[in-house]
Amino acid sequence: MLTEILEKIQKAFANIKVEEFMTMDVTFVRLNKTVAQVKEILRLKRISGVPVVDDANHVIGILSIEDIIKCLEIGKLTDKVSEHMTRNVICLTTEMTLQDAIKHFDRYKYGRFPVIDEHGKLVGIVTKNDILAAVATKLGLIYLHDERRKEVLDSDILSRSLITGEEIDKNGADFYFKIDYFDVNLAGVGAAQLKKFLMKREIDESLVRRIAVATYEAEANVVIHSGSEGEMYCFIHNDGIIVRIEDTGKGIESIELAMREGYSTAPDYVRELGFGAGMGLPNMKRFSDKMVVLSEKSKGVIVEMVFYR
């Protein structure tokens, strides 16, 4: 049994790229900042370190809370970041896997690693919390099995965020839409209305586009697969936008299979209309920054997505 579990874990980790679980909304500083200014940034952001970048956003250093403590001890808080930052920074790349990231944490014992693209530019950061979240997602939070899953579905989790665990007030949602139709040709009505709503709120256009695409896919899944009505909620926060779509229909038997590109259970007539290509959940994951899916056969589906501003 243990061998089987280990094999499943390794397979689950094999294809998870760093870009899928890194934090893209990364705080960074430039060389002109003082150590005291960075100290205040860390306090306000409640983080323990920041990458230092040049004018082209290349990572050239990192300043941690440990470096700041040393500066406090010797009275150097007014010095420039460049005098006390750690140079020759160990970075992750977007194409590395979760296993690579875990090995870096084990080897170097750092609390965070900047993530760079193929041009060496900063695109994100990975902390131990990101690792834990990715592991938890693969090992159970994204697909709660058997009795535990039933227990969760019957509990108050329906009134809590699947991502943060915080209570959510659905009555206080900034946007609500009832998916109460069964004509597949109408799929996307709610996503279109949400897009218009967000544009009126002067949300960044590129962010609105990502939200609209992911929401369209979720809405289409309700119409095509659930055999039930659905509800769409949107919550606007200072740091991000949360979209949650629920239905009480057929549910998903295997989320692992449903997450594979090209896998679909859509009937032929739906495919003939151009739907059901098996890209719904993969596209939702691709266009959102964080996504959790909770489902059980005959007990519906809840999809929650976060889009950072």
C-alpha atoms as a PDB file:
ATOM      1  CA  MET A   1       0.000   0.000   0.000  1.00  0.00           C
ATOM      2  CA  LEU A   2       2.782   2.447   0.938  1.00  0.00           C
ATOM      3  CA  THR A   3       4.599   1.727  -2.334  1.00  0.00           C
ATOM      4  CA  GLU A   4       1.431   2.440  -4.302  1.00  0.00           C
ATOM      5  CA  ILE A   5       0.937   5.736  -2.466  1.00  0.00           C
ATOM      6  CA  LEU A   6       4.533   6.809  -3.135  1.00  0.00           C
ATOM      7  CA  GLU A   7       4.175   5.947  -6.803  1.00  0.00           C
ATOM      8  CA  LYS A   8       0.984   8.029  -7.042  1.00  0.00           C
ATOM      9  CA  ILE A   9       2.681  10.970  -5.317  1.00  0.00           C
ATOM     10  CA  GLN A  10       5.636  10.872  -7.710  1.00  0.00           C
ATOM     11  CA  LYS A  11       3.327  10.728 -10.725  1.00  0.00           C
ATOM     12  CA  ALA A  12       1.271  13.587  -9.381  1.00  0.00           C
ATOM     13  CA  PHE A  13       4.362  15.736  -8.869  1.00  0.00           C
ATOM     14  CA  ALA A  14       6.004  14.857 -12.167  1.00  0.00           C
ATOM     15  CA  ASN A  15       4.240  17.355 -14.411  1.00  0.00           C
ATOM     16  CA  ILE A  16       3.558  20.262 -12.058  1.00  0.00           C
ATOM     17  CA  LYS A  17       5.582  23.219 -13.324  1.00  0.00           C
ATOM     18  CA  VAL A  18       6.792  25.980 -11.025  1.00  0.00           C
ATOM     19  CA  GLU A  19       4.804  28.509 -13.058  1.00  0.00           C
ATOM     20  CA  GLU A  20       1.601  26.706 -12.014  1.00  0.00           C
ATOM     21  CA  PHE A  21       1.986  27.272  -8.269  1.00  0.00           C
ATOM     22  CA  MET A  22       4.365  30.232  -7.909  1.00  0.00           C
ATOM     23  CA  THR A  23       3.070  33.541  -6.557  1.00  0.00           C
ATOM     24  CA  MET A  24       3.028  35.943  -9.502  1.00  0.00           C
ATOM     25  CA  ASP A  25       2.142  39.026  -7.482  1.00  0.00           C
ATOM     26  CA  VAL A  26       5.707  39.296  -6.173  1.00  0.00           C
ATOM     27  CA  THR A  27       7.028  42.253  -4.201  1.00  0.00           C
ATOM     28  CA  PHE A  28      10.508  43.390  -5.265  1.00  0.00           C
ATOM     29  CA  VAL A  29      12.807  46.375  -4.708  1.00  0.00           C
ATOM     30  CA  ARG A  30      15.483  48.187  -6.685  1.00  0.00           C
ATOM     31  CA  LEU A  31      19.010  49.160  -5.692  1.00  0.00           C
ATOM     32  CA  ASN A  32      18.103  52.731  -4.730  1.00  0.00           C
ATOM     33  CA  LYS A  33      16.096  51.587  -1.704  1.00  0.00           C
ATOM     34  CA  THR A  34      17.571  51.740   1.791  1.00  0.00           C
ATOM     35  CA  VAL A  35      17.545  48.829   4.200  1.00  0.00           C
ATOM     36  CA  ALA A  36      15.133  50.815   6.408  1.00  0.00           C
ATOM     37  CA  GLN A  37      12.699  51.214   3.509  1.00  0.00           C
ATOM     38  CA  VAL A  38      12.806  47.490   2.793  1.00  0.00           C
ATOM     39  CA  LYS A  39      12.251  46.790   6.486  1.00  0.00           C
ATOM     40  CA  GLU A  40       9.022  48.793   6.297  1.00  0.00           C
ATOM     41  CA  ILE A  41       7.958  46.998   3.100  1.00  0.00           C
ATOM     42  CA  LEU A  42       8.430  43.625   4.780  1.00  0.00           C
ATOM     43  CA  ARG A  43       6.408  44.806   7.764  1.00  0.00           C
ATOM     44  CA  LEU A  44       3.527  46.084   5.668  1.00  0.00           C
ATOM     45  CA  LYS A  45       3.473  43.089   3.319  1.00  0.00           C
ATOM     46  CA  ARG A  46       4.058  40.595   6.133  1.00  0.00           C
ATOM     47  CA  ILE A  47       6.772  38.818   4.183  1.00  0.00           C
ATOM     48  CA  SER A  48      10.293  37.781   5.170  1.00  0.00           C
ATOM     49  CA  GLY A  49      12.344  38.768   2.136  1.00  0.00           C
ATOM     50  CA  VAL A  50      12.319  40.464  -1.258  1.00  0.00           C
ATOM     51  CA  PRO A  51      14.207  40.019  -4.523  1.00  0.00           C
ATOM     52  CA  VAL A  52      16.314  42.960  -5.707  1.00  0.00           C
ATOM     53  CA  VAL A  53      16.072  43.680  -9.442  1.00  0.00           C
ATOM     54  CA  ASP A  54      17.767  46.020 -11.916  1.00  0.00           C
ATOM     55  CA  ASP A  55      15.986  48.337 -14.344  1.00  0.00           C
ATOM     56  CA  ALA A  56      15.391  45.426 -16.740  1.00  0.00           C
ATOM     57  CA  ASN A  57      13.810  43.319 -13.947  1.00  0.00           C
ATOM     58  CA  HIS A  58      16.739  40.907 -13.820  1.00  0.00           C
ATOM     59  CA  VAL A  59      17.250  39.413 -10.350  1.00  0.00           C
ATOM     60  CA  ILE A  60      20.563  40.672  -8.953  1.00  0.00           C
ATOM     61  CA  GLY A  61      20.112  40.025  -5.260  1.00  0.00           C
ATOM     62  CA  ILE A  62      17.792  39.255  -2.384  1.00  0.00           C
ATOM     63  CA  LEU A  63      17.353  40.948   0.998  1.00  0.00           C
ATOM     64  CA  SER A  64      15.899  38.890   3.825  1.00  0.00           C
ATOM     65  CA  ILE A  65      14.755  39.650   7.338  1.00  0.00           C
ATOM     66  CA  GLU A  66      18.012  38.064   8.536  1.00  0.00           C
ATOM     67  CA  ASP A  67      20.003  40.660   6.568  1.00  0.00           C
ATOM     68  CA  ILE A  68      17.909  43.441   8.078  1.00  0.00           C
ATOM     69  CA  ILE A  69      18.453  42.122  11.610  1.00  0.00           C
ATOM     70  CA  LYS A  70      22.211  42.220  11.011  1.00  0.00           C
ATOM     71  CA  CYS A  71      21.914  45.830   9.825  1.00  0.00           C
ATOM     72  CA  LEU A  72      19.926  46.691  12.950  1.00  0.00           C
ATOM     73  CA  GLU A  73      22.662  45.241  15.130  1.00  0.00           C
ATOM     74  CA  ILE A  74      25.403  47.327  13.510  1.00  0.00           C
ATOM     75  CA  GLY A  75      23.355  50.487  12.882  1.00  0.00           C
ATOM     76  CA  LYS A  76      23.314  50.281   9.086  1.00  0.00           C
ATOM     77  CA  LEU A  77      19.614  50.721   8.316  1.00  0.00           C
ATOM     78  CA  THR A  78      20.311  53.845   6.239  1.00  0.00           C
ATOM     79  CA  ASP A  79      22.653  51.956   3.903  1.00  0.00           C
ATOM     80  CA  LYS A  80      21.565  51.103   0.379  1.00  0.00           C
ATOM     81  CA  VAL A  81      20.190  47.640  -0.337  1.00  0.00           C
ATOM     82  CA  SER A  82      23.144  46.892  -2.617  1.00  0.00           C
ATOM     83  CA  GLU A  83      25.539  46.963   0.363  1.00  0.00           C
ATOM     84  CA  HIS A  84      23.818  44.195   2.294  1.00  0.00           C
ATOM     85  CA  MET A  85      21.830  42.073  -0.136  1.00  0.00           C
ATOM     86  CA  THR A  86      22.809  38.506  -0.921  1.00  0.00           C
ATOM     87  CA  ARG A  87      24.231  38.307  -4.428  1.00  0.00           C
ATOM     88  CA  ASN A  88      24.493  35.263  -6.732  1.00  0.00           C
ATOM     89  CA  VAL A  89      20.865  34.447  -5.979  1.00  0.00           C
ATOM     90  CA  ILE A  90      19.670  30.900  -6.465  1.00  0.00           C
ATOM     91  CA  CYS A  91      16.547  31.093  -8.624  1.00  0.00           C
ATOM     92  CA  LEU A  92      13.937  28.707  -9.910  1.00  0.00           C
ATOM     93  CA  THR A  93      12.784  28.814 -13.518  1.00  0.00           C
ATOM     94  CA  THR A  94       9.205  28.585 -14.718  1.00  0.00           C
ATOM     95  CA  GLU A  95       9.891  25.239 -16.411  1.00  0.00           C
ATOM     96  CA  MET A  96      11.218  23.522 -13.291  1.00  0.00           C
ATOM     97  CA  THR A  97       8.916  21.066 -11.540  1.00  0.00           C
ATOM     98  CA  LEU A  98       7.563  20.893  -8.024  1.00  0.00           C
ATOM     99  CA  GLN A  99      10.104  18.181  -7.300  1.00  0.00           C
ATOM    100  CA  ASP A 100      12.907  20.514  -8.396  1.00  0.00           C
ATOM    101  CA  ALA A 101      11.589  23.211  -6.072  1.00  0.00           C
ATOM    102  CA  ILE A 102      11.426  20.814  -3.115  1.00  0.00           C
ATOM    103  CA  LYS A 103      15.033  19.757  -3.762  1.00  0.00           C
ATOM    104  CA  HIS A 104      16.097  23.424  -3.761  1.00  0.00           C
ATOM    105  CA  PHE A 105      14.444  24.015  -0.383  1.00  0.00           C
ATOM    106  CA  ASP A 106      16.098  20.891   1.037  1.00  0.00           C
ATOM    107  CA  ARG A 107      19.517  21.753  -0.361  1.00  0.00           C
ATOM    108  CA  TYR A 108      19.795  25.487   0.276  1.00  0.00           C
ATOM    109  CA  LYS A 109      17.519  25.886   3.340  1.00  0.00           C
ATOM    110  CA  TYR A 110      16.195  29.243   2.109  1.00  0.00           C
ATOM    111  CA  GLY A 111      12.690  30.451   2.851  1.00  0.00           C
ATOM    112  CA  ARG A 112      11.950  31.638  -0.694  1.00  0.00           C
ATOM    113  CA  PHE A 113      13.228  31.428  -4.245  1.00  0.00           C
ATOM    114  CA  PRO A 114      12.667  34.034  -6.979  1.00  0.00           C
ATOM    115  CA  VAL A 115      11.334  32.585 -10.234  1.00  0.00           C
ATOM    116  CA  ILE A 116      12.765  33.816 -13.528  1.00  0.00           C
ATOM    117  CA  ASP A 117      11.741  33.315 -17.142  1.00  0.00           C
ATOM    118  CA  GLU A 118      13.964  32.272 -20.037  1.00  0.00           C
ATOM    119  CA  HIS A 119      15.345  35.830 -20.217  1.00  0.00           C
ATOM    120  CA  GLY A 120      16.331  35.905 -16.567  1.00  0.00           C
ATOM    121  CA  LYS A 121      13.556  38.321 -15.639  1.00  0.00           C
ATOM    122  CA  LEU A 122      11.623  38.076 -12.382  1.00  0.00           C
ATOM    123  CA  VAL A 123       8.134  36.616 -12.913  1.00  0.00           C
ATOM    124  CA  GLY A 124       7.256  35.192  -9.509  1.00  0.00           C
ATOM    125  CA  ILE A 125       8.391  33.795  -6.202  1.00  0.00           C
ATOM    126  CA  VAL A 126       8.011  30.434  -4.461  1.00  0.00           C
ATOM    127  CA  THR A 127       7.862  30.103  -0.693  1.00  0.00           C
ATOM    128  CA  LYS A 128       7.459  27.051   1.477  1.00  0.00           C
ATOM    129  CA  ASN A 129       3.774  27.902   1.786  1.00  0.00           C
ATOM    130  CA  ASP A 130       3.424  27.677  -1.999  1.00  0.00           C
ATOM    131  CA  ILE A 131       5.075  24.250  -1.879  1.00  0.00           C
ATOM    132  CA  LEU A 132       2.742  23.086   0.881  1.00  0.00           C
ATOM    133  CA  ALA A 133      -0.289  24.380  -1.006  1.00  0.00           C
ATOM    134  CA  ALA A 134       0.778  22.610  -4.205  1.00  0.00           C
ATOM    135  CA  VAL A 135       1.427  19.347  -2.372  1.00  0.00           C
ATOM    136  CA  ALA A 136      -1.861  19.599  -0.456  1.00  0.00           C
ATOM    137  CA  THR A 137      -3.740  20.261  -3.666  1.00  0.00           C
ATOM    138  CA  LYS A 138      -2.298  17.191  -5.338  1.00  0.00           C
ATOM    139  CA  LEU A 139      -2.617  14.948  -2.312  1.00  0.00           C
ATOM    140  CA  GLY A 140      -6.192  15.707  -1.428  1.00  0.00           C
ATOM    141  CA  LEU A 141      -7.525  19.235  -1.234  1.00  0.00           C
ATOM    142  CA  ILE A 142      -8.418  19.410  -4.895  1.00  0.00           C
ATOM    143  CA  TYR A 143     -10.096  16.013  -4.781  1.00  0.00           C
ATOM    144  CA  LEU A 144     -11.398  14.905  -1.413  1.00  0.00           C
ATOM    145  CA  HIS A 145     -11.894  11.175  -1.396  1.00  0.00           C
ATOM    146  CA  ASP A 146     -14.383   8.755   0.087  1.00  0.00           C
ATOM    147  CA  GLU A 147     -15.771   9.393   3.564  1.00  0.00           C
ATOM    148  CA  ARG A 148     -13.661  12.496   4.138  1.00  0.00           C
ATOM    149  CA  ARG A 149     -15.041  14.040   0.964  1.00  0.00           C
ATOM    150  CA  LYS A 150     -18.619  13.248   2.034  1.00  0.00           C
ATOM    151  CA  GLU A 151     -17.951  14.697   5.458  1.00  0.00           C
ATOM    152  CA  VAL A 152     -16.650  17.921   3.924  1.00  0.00           C
ATOM    153  CA  LEU A 153     -19.496  18.231   1.451  1.00  0.00           C
ATOM    154  CA  ASP A 154     -22.006  17.861   4.261  1.00  0.00           C
ATOM    155  CA  SER A 155     -20.260  20.429   6.481  1.00  0.00           C
ATOM    156  CA  ASP A 156     -20.099  24.213   6.480  1.00  0.00           C
ATOM    157  CA  ILE A 157     -17.359  24.274   3.830  1.00  0.00           C
ATOM    158  CA  LEU A 158     -20.070  25.331   1.384  1.00  0.00           C
ATOM    159  CA  SER A 159     -20.109  28.667   3.190  1.00  0.00           C
ATOM    160  CA  ARG A 160     -16.326  28.990   3.243  1.00  0.00           C
ATOM    161  CA  SER A 161     -13.714  29.737   0.633  1.00  0.00           C
ATOM    162  CA  LEU A 162     -12.157  26.552  -0.731  1.00  0.00           C
ATOM    163  CA  ILE A 163      -8.871  28.409  -1.129  1.00  0.00           C
ATOM    164  CA  THR A 164      -8.520  30.509   2.037  1.00  0.00           C
ATOM    165  CA  GLY A 165     -10.946  28.711   4.359  1.00  0.00           C
ATOM    166  CA  GLU A 166     -12.474  32.048   5.321  1.00  0.00           C
ATOM    167  CA  GLU A 167     -16.227  32.485   5.604  1.00  0.00           C
ATOM    168  CA  ILE A 168     -17.836  33.946   2.526  1.00  0.00           C
ATOM    169  CA  ASP A 169     -21.014  35.976   2.442  1.00  0.00           C
ATOM    170  CA  LYS A 170     -22.737  34.961  -0.778  1.00  0.00           C
ATOM    171  CA  ASN A 171     -25.438  37.545  -0.189  1.00  0.00           C
ATOM    172  CA  GLY A 172     -22.709  40.163  -0.209  1.00  0.00           C
ATOM    173  CA  ALA A 173     -21.215  39.087  -3.547  1.00  0.00           C
ATOM    174  CA  ASP A 174     -20.298  41.976  -5.841  1.00  0.00           C
ATOM    175  CA  PHE A 175     -21.791  40.073  -8.792  1.00  0.00           C
ATOM    176  CA  TYR A 176     -24.292  37.215  -8.968  1.00  0.00           C
ATOM    177  CA  PHE A 177     -25.704  35.286 -11.907  1.00  0.00           C
ATOM    178  CA  LYS A 178     -28.123  32.361 -11.977  1.00  0.00           C
ATOM    179  CA  ILE A 179     -27.307  29.700 -14.569  1.00  0.00           C
ATOM    180  CA  ASP A 180     -30.838  28.410 -15.036  1.00  0.00           C
ATOM    181  CA  TYR A 181     -30.865  27.321 -18.664  1.00  0.00           C
ATOM    182  CA  PHE A 182     -30.110  24.003 -20.360  1.00  0.00           C
ATOM    183  CA  ASP A 183     -29.464  25.214 -23.909  1.00  0.00           C
ATOM    184  CA  VAL A 184     -25.742  24.806 -24.595  1.00  0.00           C
ATOM    185  CA  ASN A 185     -25.905  27.611 -27.143  1.00  0.00           C
ATOM    186  CA  LEU A 186     -26.594  30.036 -24.286  1.00  0.00           C
ATOM    187  CA  ALA A 187     -23.373  29.104 -22.453  1.00  0.00           C
ATOM    188  CA  GLY A 188     -21.384  32.239 -21.783  1.00  0.00           C
ATOM    189  CA  VAL A 189     -24.232  34.626 -20.997  1.00  0.00           C
ATOM    190  CA  GLY A 190     -23.134  34.903 -17.389  1.00  0.00           C
ATOM    191  CA  ALA A 191     -19.454  35.275 -18.296  1.00  0.00           C
ATOM    192  CA  ALA A 192     -20.328  38.079 -20.717  1.00  0.00           C
ATOM    193  CA  GLN A 193     -22.347  39.905 -18.067  1.00  0.00           C
ATOM    194  CA  LEU A 194     -19.526  39.490 -15.546  1.00  0.00           C
ATOM    195  CA  LYS A 195     -17.062  40.889 -18.079  1.00  0.00           C
ATOM    196  CA  LYS A 196     -19.228  43.986 -18.618  1.00  0.00           C
ATOM    197  CA  PHE A 197     -19.630  44.411 -14.861  1.00  0.00           C
ATOM    198  CA  LEU A 198     -15.875  44.256 -14.224  1.00  0.00           C
ATOM    199  CA  MET A 199     -15.096  46.645 -17.064  1.00  0.00           C
ATOM    200  CA  LYS A 200     -17.496  49.179 -15.537  1.00  0.00           C
ATOM    201  CA  ARG A 201     -15.586  48.785 -12.274  1.00  0.00           C
ATOM    202  CA  GLU A 202     -12.453  49.798 -14.216  1.00  0.00           C
ATOM    203  CA  ILE A 203     -10.672  46.495 -13.577  1.00  0.00           C
ATOM    204  CA  ASP A 204      -7.584  46.003 -15.763  1.00  0.00           C
ATOM    205  CA  GLU A 205      -8.698  44.858 -19.213  1.00  0.00           C
ATOM    206  CA  SER A 206      -6.204  41.990 -19.498  1.00  0.00           C
ATOM    207  CA  LEU A 207      -7.268  40.691 -16.088  1.00  0.00           C
ATOM    208  CA  VAL A 208     -10.940  40.925 -17.068  1.00  0.00           C
ATOM    209  CA  ARG A 209     -10.205  38.889 -20.183  1.00  0.00           C
ATOM    210  CA  ARG A 210      -8.612  36.099 -18.125  1.00  0.00           C
ATOM    211  CA  ILE A 211     -11.554  36.087 -15.732  1.00  0.00           C
ATOM    212  CA  ALA A 212     -14.070  36.025 -18.586  1.00  0.00           C
ATOM    213  CA  VAL A 213     -12.367  33.080 -20.326  1.00  0.00           C
ATOM    214  CA  ALA A 214     -12.103  30.983 -17.158  1.00  0.00           C
ATOM    215  CA  THR A 215     -15.664  31.838 -16.111  1.00  0.00           C
ATOM    216  CA  TYR A 216     -17.007  30.971 -19.555  1.00  0.00           C
ATOM    217  CA  GLU A 217     -15.429  27.506 -19.303  1.00  0.00           C
ATOM    218  CA  ALA A 218     -16.923  26.965 -15.842  1.00  0.00           C
ATOM    219  CA  GLU A 219     -20.347  28.148 -16.969  1.00  0.00           C
ATOM    220  CA  ALA A 220     -20.234  25.893 -20.037  1.00  0.00           C
ATOM    221  CA  ASN A 221     -19.399  22.926 -17.818  1.00  0.00           C
ATOM    222  CA  VAL A 222     -22.542  23.548 -15.759  1.00  0.00           C
ATOM    223  CA  VAL A 223     -24.694  23.653 -18.877  1.00  0.00           C
ATOM    224  CA  ILE A 224     -23.062  20.682 -20.625  1.00  0.00           C
ATOM    225  CA  HIS A 225     -22.348  18.282 -17.789  1.00  0.00           C
ATOM    226  CA  SER A 226     -24.273  19.042 -14.607  1.00  0.00           C
ATOM    227  CA  GLY A 227     -27.881  18.510 -15.649  1.00  0.00           C
ATOM    228  CA  SER A 228     -28.783  21.126 -13.056  1.00  0.00           C
ATOM    229  CA  GLU A 229     -28.932  24.835 -12.450  1.00  0.00           C
ATOM    230  CA  GLY A 230     -25.869  26.702 -11.289  1.00  0.00           C
ATOM    231  CA  GLU A 231     -24.849  29.883  -9.514  1.00  0.00           C
ATOM    232  CA  MET A 232     -22.026  32.296 -10.257  1.00  0.00           C
ATOM    233  CA  TYR A 233     -20.539  34.593  -7.615  1.00  0.00           C
ATOM    234  CA  CYS A 234     -17.811  37.214  -7.915  1.00  0.00           C
ATOM    235  CA  PHE A 235     -16.073  38.914  -4.995  1.00  0.00           C
ATOM    236  CA  ILE A 236     -13.806  41.907  -5.610  1.00  0.00           C
ATOM    237  CA  HIS A 237     -10.969  42.488  -3.146  1.00  0.00           C
ATOM    238  CA  ASN A 238      -8.068  44.914  -3.135  1.00  0.00           C
ATOM    239  CA  ASP A 239      -5.525  42.216  -3.963  1.00  0.00           C
ATOM    240  CA  GLY A 240      -7.581  39.979  -6.196  1.00  0.00           C
ATOM    241  CA  ILE A 241     -10.897  38.807  -7.573  1.00  0.00           C
ATOM    242  CA  ILE A 242     -12.561  35.537  -6.586  1.00  0.00           C
ATOM    243  CA  VAL A 243     -15.033  33.770  -8.866  1.00  0.00           C
ATOM    244  CA  ARG A 244     -17.012  30.828  -7.510  1.00  0.00           C
ATOM    245  CA  ILE A 245     -19.387  28.679  -9.550  1.00  0.00           C
ATOM    246  CA  GLU A 246     -21.579  26.013  -7.973  1.00  0.00           C
ATOM    247  CA  ASP A 247     -24.028  23.432  -9.224  1.00  0.00           C
ATOM    248  CA  THR A 248     -25.898  20.561  -7.587  1.00  0.00           C
ATOM    249  CA  GLY A 249     -25.805  18.207 -10.548  1.00  0.00           C
ATOM    250  CA  LYS A 250     -24.089  15.017 -11.596  1.00  0.00           C
ATOM    251  CA  GLY A 251     -20.673  15.869 -10.179  1.00  0.00           C
ATOM    252  CA  ILE A 252     -17.279  14.722 -11.436  1.00  0.00           C
ATOM    253  CA  GLU A 253     -16.281  11.100 -10.934  1.00  0.00           C
ATOM    254  CA  SER A 254     -12.561  11.720 -11.476  1.00  0.00           C
ATOM    255  CA  ILE A 255     -11.184  15.244 -11.247  1.00  0.00           C
ATOM    256  CA  GLU A 256      -7.755  13.877 -12.118  1.00  0.00           C
ATOM    257  CA  LEU A 257      -9.083  12.671 -15.487  1.00  0.00           C
ATOM    258  CA  ALA A 258     -11.143  15.830 -16.017  1.00  0.00           C
ATOM    259  CA  MET A 259      -7.997  17.948 -15.600  1.00  0.00           C
ATOM    260  CA  ARG A 260      -6.337  16.219 -18.563  1.00  0.00           C
ATOM    261  CA  GLU A 261      -6.452  18.209 -21.770  1.00  0.00           C
ATOM    262  CA  GLY A 262      -8.705  16.532 -24.325  1.00  0.00           C
ATOM    263  CA  TYR A 263     -10.578  14.364 -21.840  1.00  0.00           C
ATOM    264  CA  SER A 264     -14.326  14.871 -22.158  1.00  0.00           C
ATOM    265  CA  THR A 265     -17.586  13.143 -21.288  1.00  0.00           C
ATOM    266  CA  ALA A 266     -19.674  15.478 -23.441  1.00  0.00           C
ATOM    267  CA  PRO A 267     -22.260  13.705 -25.654  1.00  0.00           C
ATOM    268  CA  ASP A 268     -21.853  13.694 -29.432  1.00  0.00           C
ATOM    269  CA  TYR A 269     -24.505  16.311 -30.111  1.00  0.00           C
ATOM    270  CA  VAL A 270     -22.666  18.745 -27.845  1.00  0.00           C
ATOM    271  CA  ARG A 271     -19.372  18.056 -29.636  1.00  0.00           C
ATOM    272  CA  GLU A 272     -21.065  18.690 -32.970  1.00  0.00           C
ATOM    273  CA  LEU A 273     -21.958  22.159 -31.710  1.00  0.00           C
ATOM    274  CA  GLY A 274     -18.275  22.848 -31.026  1.00  0.00           C
ATOM    275  CA  PHE A 275     -18.355  22.277 -27.268  1.00  0.00           C
ATOM    276  CA  GLY A 276     -16.952  19.522 -25.076  1.00  0.00           C
ATOM    277  CA  ALA A 277     -13.370  19.516 -26.387  1.00  0.00           C
ATOM    278  CA  GLY A 278     -12.019  18.548 -22.993  1.00  0.00           C
ATOM    279  CA  MET A 279     -10.330  21.904 -22.313  1.00  0.00           C
ATOM    280  CA  GLY A 280     -12.723  23.284 -19.679  1.00  0.00           C
ATOM    281  CA  LEU A 281     -10.904  22.615 -16.405  1.00  0.00           C
ATOM    282  CA  PRO A 282      -7.409  22.900 -17.976  1.00  0.00           C
ATOM    283  CA  ASN A 283      -8.301  26.337 -19.368  1.00  0.00           C
ATOM    284  CA  MET A 284      -9.783  27.438 -16.056  1.00  0.00           C
ATOM    285  CA  LYS A 285      -6.566  26.439 -14.319  1.00  0.00           C
ATOM    286  CA  ARG A 286      -4.450  28.098 -17.022  1.00  0.00           C
ATOM    287  CA  PHE A 287      -6.214  31.462 -16.868  1.00  0.00           C
ATOM    288  CA  SER A 288      -6.634  31.683 -13.075  1.00  0.00           C
ATOM    289  CA  ASP A 289      -3.866  32.175 -10.514  1.00  0.00           C
ATOM    290  CA  LYS A 290      -5.253  29.636  -8.063  1.00  0.00           C
ATOM    291  CA  MET A 291      -8.061  27.146  -8.520  1.00  0.00           C
ATOM    292  CA  VAL A 292      -9.719  24.521  -6.345  1.00  0.00           C
ATOM    293  CA  VAL A 293     -12.373  22.063  -7.495  1.00  0.00           C
ATOM    294  CA  LEU A 294     -14.583  20.179  -5.053  1.00  0.00           C
ATOM    295  CA  SER A 295     -16.915  17.500  -6.335  1.00  0.00           C
ATOM    296  CA  GLU A 296     -18.520  14.161  -5.685  1.00  0.00           C
ATOM    297  CA  LYS A 297     -20.633  12.037  -7.959  1.00  0.00           C
ATOM    298  CA  SER A 298     -24.296  13.121  -7.734  1.00  0.00           C
ATOM    299  CA  LYS A 299     -23.435  15.962  -5.341  1.00  0.00           C
ATOM    300  CA  GLY A 300     -22.483  18.688  -7.779  1.00  0.00           C
ATOM    301  CA  VAL A 301     -19.363  20.717  -8.383  1.00  0.00           C
ATOM    302  CA  ILE A 302     -17.855  23.806  -6.771  1.00  0.00           C
ATOM    303  CA  VAL A 303     -15.139  25.656  -8.649  1.00  0.00           C
ATOM    304  CA  GLU A 304     -13.349  28.536  -6.963  1.00  0.00           C
ATOM    305  CA  MET A 305     -10.777  30.653  -8.795  1.00  0.00           C
ATOM    306  CA  VAL A 306      -8.568  33.529  -7.689  1.00  0.00           C
ATOM    307  CA  PHE A 307      -7.221  36.164 -10.074  1.00  0.00           C
ATOM    308  CA  TYR A 308      -4.585  38.481  -8.600  1.00  0.00           C
ATOM    309  CA  ARG A 309      -4.812  42.183  -9.417  1.00  0.00           C
END
